[in-house]
Amino acid sequence: MTPSSRTAEPGRVTVSVDPDLEEIVPVFLENRRREVATLRTAFAGDDLKTLRLLGHRMKGDGGGYGFDAISEIGEVLEQAAIRKDRRVIGQQIEKLDDFLTRVDVVYRK
């Protein structure tokens, strides 16, 4: 993630993304927002396999779209699911939800 030198408002996170991804980034982010509900359901049901798989997918996909923070969250989530560390799993789900709520995308020229 490359924070822009401009900040829209306090508490917001601005991510600068390649303009070639402008058509697909909104879909990517919307899918991650929906995934938060899936993660919460898996967490409530102690479905560590789903948590691990979704974390692994986030780890691989985030950076490719310009969202290194999502990759980092995914990596921590995946490892926490492997260790069965419910505290860290819960933290990462909330961290993802918070990031998605605060992120503003700017397409580099």
N, C-alpha and C. Protein backbone atom coordinates (compact mmCIF):
# COMPACT_ATOMS: atom_id res chain seq x y z
N MET A 1 0.85 -1.16 0.00
CA MET A 1 0.00 0.00 0.00
C MET A 1 0.89 1.22 0.00
N THR A 2 0.61 2.14 -0.88
CA THR A 2 1.37 3.37 -0.95
C THR A 2 0.46 4.52 -0.59
N PRO A 3 0.55 5.02 0.66
CA PRO A 3 -0.32 6.11 1.04
C PRO A 3 0.00 7.35 0.21
N SER A 4 -1.02 8.03 -0.22
CA SER A 4 -0.86 9.26 -0.96
C SER A 4 -0.44 10.36 0.00
N SER A 5 0.19 11.42 -0.53
CA SER A 5 0.57 12.53 0.32
C SER A 5 -0.65 13.35 0.71
N ARG A 6 -1.76 13.15 -0.01
CA ARG A 6 -3.00 13.85 0.32
C ARG A 6 -3.84 12.95 1.21
N THR A 7 -4.43 13.54 2.22
CA THR A 7 -5.33 12.80 3.08
C THR A 7 -6.69 13.48 2.99
N ALA A 8 -7.71 12.74 2.61
CA ALA A 8 -9.04 13.29 2.42
C ALA A 8 -9.60 13.86 3.72
N GLU A 9 -9.50 13.13 4.79
CA GLU A 9 -9.98 13.57 6.09
C GLU A 9 -9.31 12.71 7.15
N PRO A 10 -9.24 13.22 8.38
CA PRO A 10 -8.61 12.43 9.43
C PRO A 10 -9.29 11.07 9.58
N GLY A 11 -8.47 10.06 9.78
CA GLY A 11 -8.99 8.71 9.96
C GLY A 11 -9.17 7.94 8.67
N ARG A 12 -9.03 8.61 7.54
CA ARG A 12 -9.16 7.94 6.25
C ARG A 12 -7.80 7.38 5.84
N VAL A 13 -7.81 6.34 5.02
CA VAL A 13 -6.58 5.76 4.48
C VAL A 13 -6.67 5.90 2.97
N THR A 14 -5.71 6.61 2.39
CA THR A 14 -5.70 6.81 0.95
C THR A 14 -4.69 5.86 0.33
N VAL A 15 -5.14 5.10 -0.65
CA VAL A 15 -4.27 4.15 -1.34
C VAL A 15 -4.20 4.56 -2.80
N SER A 16 -2.99 4.67 -3.30
CA SER A 16 -2.75 5.02 -4.69
C SER A 16 -2.64 3.73 -5.51
N VAL A 17 -3.48 3.62 -6.55
CA VAL A 17 -3.60 2.39 -7.32
C VAL A 17 -3.35 2.69 -8.79
N ASP A 18 -2.81 1.74 -9.50
CA ASP A 18 -2.57 1.84 -10.93
C ASP A 18 -3.89 2.11 -11.65
N PRO A 19 -3.94 3.10 -12.54
CA PRO A 19 -5.19 3.41 -13.24
C PRO A 19 -5.70 2.27 -14.13
N ASP A 20 -4.84 1.35 -14.51
CA ASP A 20 -5.29 0.20 -15.30
C ASP A 20 -6.26 -0.69 -14.52
N LEU A 21 -6.27 -0.55 -13.20
CA LEU A 21 -7.13 -1.37 -12.34
C LEU A 21 -8.44 -0.67 -11.96
N GLU A 22 -8.67 0.51 -12.52
CA GLU A 22 -9.81 1.34 -12.11
C GLU A 22 -11.16 0.63 -12.26
N GLU A 23 -11.30 -0.19 -13.26
CA GLU A 23 -12.58 -0.88 -13.48
C GLU A 23 -12.80 -2.05 -12.52
N ILE A 24 -11.72 -2.66 -12.05
CA ILE A 24 -11.88 -3.86 -11.23
C ILE A 24 -11.69 -3.65 -9.73
N VAL A 25 -11.04 -2.56 -9.33
CA VAL A 25 -10.80 -2.32 -7.91
C VAL A 25 -12.11 -2.17 -7.12
N PRO A 26 -13.11 -1.43 -7.60
CA PRO A 26 -14.35 -1.35 -6.82
C PRO A 26 -14.99 -2.73 -6.58
N VAL A 27 -14.94 -3.60 -7.57
CA VAL A 27 -15.48 -4.96 -7.40
C VAL A 27 -14.65 -5.73 -6.39
N PHE A 28 -13.33 -5.61 -6.48
CA PHE A 28 -12.44 -6.27 -5.54
C PHE A 28 -12.76 -5.84 -4.10
N LEU A 29 -12.90 -4.53 -3.89
CA LEU A 29 -13.18 -4.03 -2.54
C LEU A 29 -14.56 -4.45 -2.06
N GLU A 30 -15.55 -4.44 -2.94
CA GLU A 30 -16.89 -4.88 -2.55
C GLU A 30 -16.89 -6.36 -2.17
N ASN A 31 -16.14 -7.17 -2.90
CA ASN A 31 -16.02 -8.58 -2.55
C ASN A 31 -15.37 -8.76 -1.17
N ARG A 32 -14.37 -7.94 -0.86
CA ARG A 32 -13.74 -8.02 0.47
C ARG A 32 -14.73 -7.59 1.54
N ARG A 33 -15.55 -6.59 1.26
CA ARG A 33 -16.55 -6.15 2.25
C ARG A 33 -17.55 -7.28 2.54
N ARG A 34 -17.98 -7.96 1.51
CA ARG A 34 -18.89 -9.10 1.71
C ARG A 34 -18.19 -10.23 2.44
N GLU A 35 -16.90 -10.37 2.19
CA GLU A 35 -16.13 -11.44 2.83
C GLU A 35 -16.03 -11.25 4.33
N VAL A 36 -16.13 -10.02 4.80
CA VAL A 36 -16.09 -9.77 6.25
C VAL A 36 -17.21 -10.55 6.94
N ALA A 37 -18.39 -10.55 6.34
CA ALA A 37 -19.52 -11.30 6.92
C ALA A 37 -19.23 -12.80 6.91
N THR A 38 -18.63 -13.29 5.84
CA THR A 38 -18.26 -14.70 5.75
C THR A 38 -17.23 -15.05 6.82
N LEU A 39 -16.26 -14.16 7.01
CA LEU A 39 -15.24 -14.38 8.04
C LEU A 39 -15.86 -14.42 9.43
N ARG A 40 -16.79 -13.52 9.68
CA ARG A 40 -17.44 -13.49 11.00
C ARG A 40 -18.25 -14.76 11.24
N THR A 41 -18.93 -15.24 10.20
CA THR A 41 -19.70 -16.48 10.33
C THR A 41 -18.77 -17.66 10.59
N ALA A 42 -17.66 -17.71 9.85
CA ALA A 42 -16.69 -18.79 10.04
C ALA A 42 -16.08 -18.72 11.44
N PHE A 43 -15.81 -17.52 11.90
CA PHE A 43 -15.24 -17.33 13.24
C PHE A 43 -16.22 -17.81 14.30
N ALA A 44 -17.49 -17.42 14.17
CA ALA A 44 -18.51 -17.82 15.14
C ALA A 44 -18.70 -19.34 15.15
N GLY A 45 -18.53 -19.97 13.98
CA GLY A 45 -18.68 -21.42 13.88
C GLY A 45 -17.40 -22.19 14.07
N ASP A 46 -16.33 -21.48 14.44
CA ASP A 46 -15.01 -22.10 14.64
C ASP A 46 -14.56 -22.87 13.40
N ASP A 47 -14.87 -22.31 12.23
CA ASP A 47 -14.51 -22.91 10.94
C ASP A 47 -13.12 -22.43 10.54
N LEU A 48 -12.12 -23.05 11.13
CA LEU A 48 -10.74 -22.63 10.91
C LEU A 48 -10.28 -22.85 9.48
N LYS A 49 -10.82 -23.87 8.83
CA LYS A 49 -10.44 -24.13 7.44
C LYS A 49 -10.84 -22.95 6.54
N THR A 50 -12.07 -22.48 6.68
CA THR A 50 -12.52 -21.34 5.88
C THR A 50 -11.71 -20.10 6.21
N LEU A 51 -11.46 -19.87 7.49
CA LEU A 51 -10.66 -18.71 7.89
C LEU A 51 -9.26 -18.77 7.29
N ARG A 52 -8.66 -19.94 7.32
CA ARG A 52 -7.32 -20.11 6.76
C ARG A 52 -7.33 -19.88 5.26
N LEU A 53 -8.30 -20.47 4.56
CA LEU A 53 -8.38 -20.33 3.11
C LEU A 53 -8.63 -18.90 2.67
N LEU A 54 -9.55 -18.22 3.35
CA LEU A 54 -9.82 -16.83 2.99
C LEU A 54 -8.63 -15.94 3.30
N GLY A 55 -7.96 -16.19 4.42
CA GLY A 55 -6.75 -15.45 4.74
C GLY A 55 -5.68 -15.66 3.67
N HIS A 56 -5.52 -16.90 3.24
CA HIS A 56 -4.53 -17.21 2.21
C HIS A 56 -4.85 -16.48 0.90
N ARG A 57 -6.13 -16.47 0.53
CA ARG A 57 -6.55 -15.78 -0.69
C ARG A 57 -6.29 -14.28 -0.60
N MET A 58 -6.62 -13.69 0.55
CA MET A 58 -6.37 -12.25 0.74
C MET A 58 -4.88 -11.95 0.65
N LYS A 59 -4.08 -12.82 1.25
CA LYS A 59 -2.63 -12.63 1.23
C LYS A 59 -2.13 -12.57 -0.22
N GLY A 60 -2.66 -13.44 -1.06
CA GLY A 60 -2.22 -13.48 -2.45
C GLY A 60 -2.80 -12.39 -3.32
N ASP A 61 -4.04 -12.01 -3.07
CA ASP A 61 -4.72 -11.08 -3.97
C ASP A 61 -4.50 -9.61 -3.65
N GLY A 62 -4.38 -9.26 -2.39
CA GLY A 62 -4.33 -7.85 -1.99
C GLY A 62 -3.28 -7.03 -2.70
N GLY A 63 -2.05 -7.49 -2.67
CA GLY A 63 -0.96 -6.73 -3.29
C GLY A 63 -1.11 -6.58 -4.78
N GLY A 64 -1.68 -7.58 -5.44
CA GLY A 64 -1.87 -7.51 -6.89
C GLY A 64 -2.82 -6.41 -7.30
N TYR A 65 -3.70 -6.01 -6.38
CA TYR A 65 -4.63 -4.92 -6.65
C TYR A 65 -4.15 -3.60 -6.06
N GLY A 66 -3.00 -3.63 -5.41
CA GLY A 66 -2.45 -2.41 -4.81
C GLY A 66 -2.77 -2.23 -3.34
N PHE A 67 -3.29 -3.27 -2.70
CA PHE A 67 -3.70 -3.17 -1.30
C PHE A 67 -2.85 -4.08 -0.43
N ASP A 68 -1.65 -3.63 -0.15
CA ASP A 68 -0.72 -4.42 0.66
C ASP A 68 -1.29 -4.67 2.06
N ALA A 69 -2.08 -3.74 2.58
CA ALA A 69 -2.67 -3.92 3.92
C ALA A 69 -3.57 -5.16 3.94
N ILE A 70 -4.31 -5.40 2.86
CA ILE A 70 -5.18 -6.57 2.80
C ILE A 70 -4.33 -7.84 2.76
N SER A 71 -3.22 -7.80 2.03
CA SER A 71 -2.32 -8.96 2.01
C SER A 71 -1.75 -9.24 3.40
N GLU A 72 -1.38 -8.19 4.10
CA GLU A 72 -0.81 -8.36 5.44
C GLU A 72 -1.85 -8.93 6.41
N ILE A 73 -3.06 -8.41 6.34
CA ILE A 73 -4.14 -8.92 7.20
C ILE A 73 -4.38 -10.39 6.87
N GLY A 74 -4.43 -10.72 5.59
CA GLY A 74 -4.66 -12.09 5.17
C GLY A 74 -3.59 -13.04 5.66
N GLU A 75 -2.34 -12.60 5.61
CA GLU A 75 -1.25 -13.45 6.07
C GLU A 75 -1.36 -13.73 7.57
N VAL A 76 -1.62 -12.69 8.34
CA VAL A 76 -1.76 -12.86 9.79
C VAL A 76 -2.96 -13.75 10.10
N LEU A 77 -4.07 -13.53 9.38
CA LEU A 77 -5.28 -14.33 9.57
C LEU A 77 -5.01 -15.80 9.27
N GLU A 78 -4.35 -16.06 8.15
CA GLU A 78 -4.03 -17.45 7.78
C GLU A 78 -3.20 -18.13 8.86
N GLN A 79 -2.16 -17.47 9.31
CA GLN A 79 -1.28 -18.06 10.32
C GLN A 79 -2.01 -18.25 11.65
N ALA A 80 -2.87 -17.30 12.01
CA ALA A 80 -3.64 -17.42 13.25
C ALA A 80 -4.60 -18.60 13.18
N ALA A 81 -5.20 -18.82 12.01
CA ALA A 81 -6.11 -19.96 11.85
C ALA A 81 -5.34 -21.27 11.98
N ILE A 82 -4.14 -21.32 11.43
CA ILE A 82 -3.31 -22.52 11.56
C ILE A 82 -2.99 -22.79 13.03
N ARG A 83 -2.70 -21.72 13.79
CA ARG A 83 -2.36 -21.86 15.22
C ARG A 83 -3.60 -21.97 16.11
N LYS A 84 -4.79 -21.77 15.50
CA LYS A 84 -6.06 -21.77 16.25
C LYS A 84 -6.09 -20.66 17.30
N ASP A 85 -5.55 -19.51 16.93
CA ASP A 85 -5.45 -18.35 17.81
C ASP A 85 -6.67 -17.46 17.60
N ARG A 86 -7.74 -17.74 18.32
CA ARG A 86 -9.01 -17.03 18.14
C ARG A 86 -8.90 -15.53 18.41
N ARG A 87 -8.07 -15.15 19.35
CA ARG A 87 -7.91 -13.72 19.66
C ARG A 87 -7.38 -12.97 18.45
N VAL A 88 -6.34 -13.48 17.83
CA VAL A 88 -5.73 -12.83 16.66
C VAL A 88 -6.68 -12.89 15.46
N ILE A 89 -7.36 -14.00 15.29
CA ILE A 89 -8.33 -14.12 14.19
C ILE A 89 -9.37 -13.00 14.31
N GLY A 90 -9.95 -12.84 15.49
CA GLY A 90 -10.94 -11.80 15.71
C GLY A 90 -10.38 -10.41 15.44
N GLN A 91 -9.15 -10.18 15.88
CA GLN A 91 -8.51 -8.88 15.64
C GLN A 91 -8.35 -8.60 14.15
N GLN A 92 -7.95 -9.61 13.40
CA GLN A 92 -7.72 -9.41 11.96
C GLN A 92 -9.03 -9.18 11.20
N ILE A 93 -10.09 -9.83 11.61
CA ILE A 93 -11.39 -9.59 10.97
C ILE A 93 -11.80 -8.15 11.20
N GLU A 94 -11.64 -7.66 12.42
CA GLU A 94 -12.00 -6.28 12.73
C GLU A 94 -11.06 -5.30 12.02
N LYS A 95 -9.79 -5.66 11.91
CA LYS A 95 -8.83 -4.81 11.20
C LYS A 95 -9.19 -4.69 9.72
N LEU A 96 -9.60 -5.79 9.11
CA LEU A 96 -10.03 -5.76 7.71
C LEU A 96 -11.27 -4.89 7.56
N ASP A 97 -12.25 -5.08 8.41
CA ASP A 97 -13.48 -4.30 8.36
C ASP A 97 -13.17 -2.81 8.51
N ASP A 98 -12.32 -2.46 9.44
CA ASP A 98 -11.93 -1.07 9.67
C ASP A 98 -11.23 -0.49 8.44
N PHE A 99 -10.29 -1.24 7.89
CA PHE A 99 -9.57 -0.77 6.70
C PHE A 99 -10.54 -0.51 5.56
N LEU A 100 -11.45 -1.44 5.31
CA LEU A 100 -12.39 -1.30 4.20
C LEU A 100 -13.35 -0.13 4.42
N THR A 101 -13.63 0.19 5.66
CA THR A 101 -14.50 1.32 5.97
C THR A 101 -13.79 2.65 5.73
N ARG A 102 -12.48 2.67 5.96
CA ARG A 102 -11.73 3.93 5.90
C ARG A 102 -10.97 4.18 4.60
N VAL A 103 -10.90 3.20 3.72
CA VAL A 103 -10.04 3.33 2.55
C VAL A 103 -10.67 4.24 1.47
N ASP A 104 -9.81 5.09 0.92
CA ASP A 104 -10.13 5.91 -0.24
C ASP A 104 -9.12 5.55 -1.32
N VAL A 105 -9.58 5.33 -2.52
CA VAL A 105 -8.71 4.93 -3.62
C VAL A 105 -8.46 6.14 -4.53
N VAL A 106 -7.19 6.35 -4.85
CA VAL A 106 -6.78 7.36 -5.80
C VAL A 106 -6.04 6.66 -6.92
N TYR A 107 -6.42 6.91 -8.15
CA TYR A 107 -5.77 6.26 -9.30
C TYR A 107 -4.64 7.17 -9.79
N ARG A 108 -3.42 6.62 -9.76
CA ARG A 108 -2.25 7.37 -10.22
C ARG A 108 -2.43 7.78 -11.66
N LYS A 109 -1.92 8.91 -11.98
CA LYS A 109 -1.95 9.39 -13.38
C LYS A 109 -0.70 8.94 -14.09
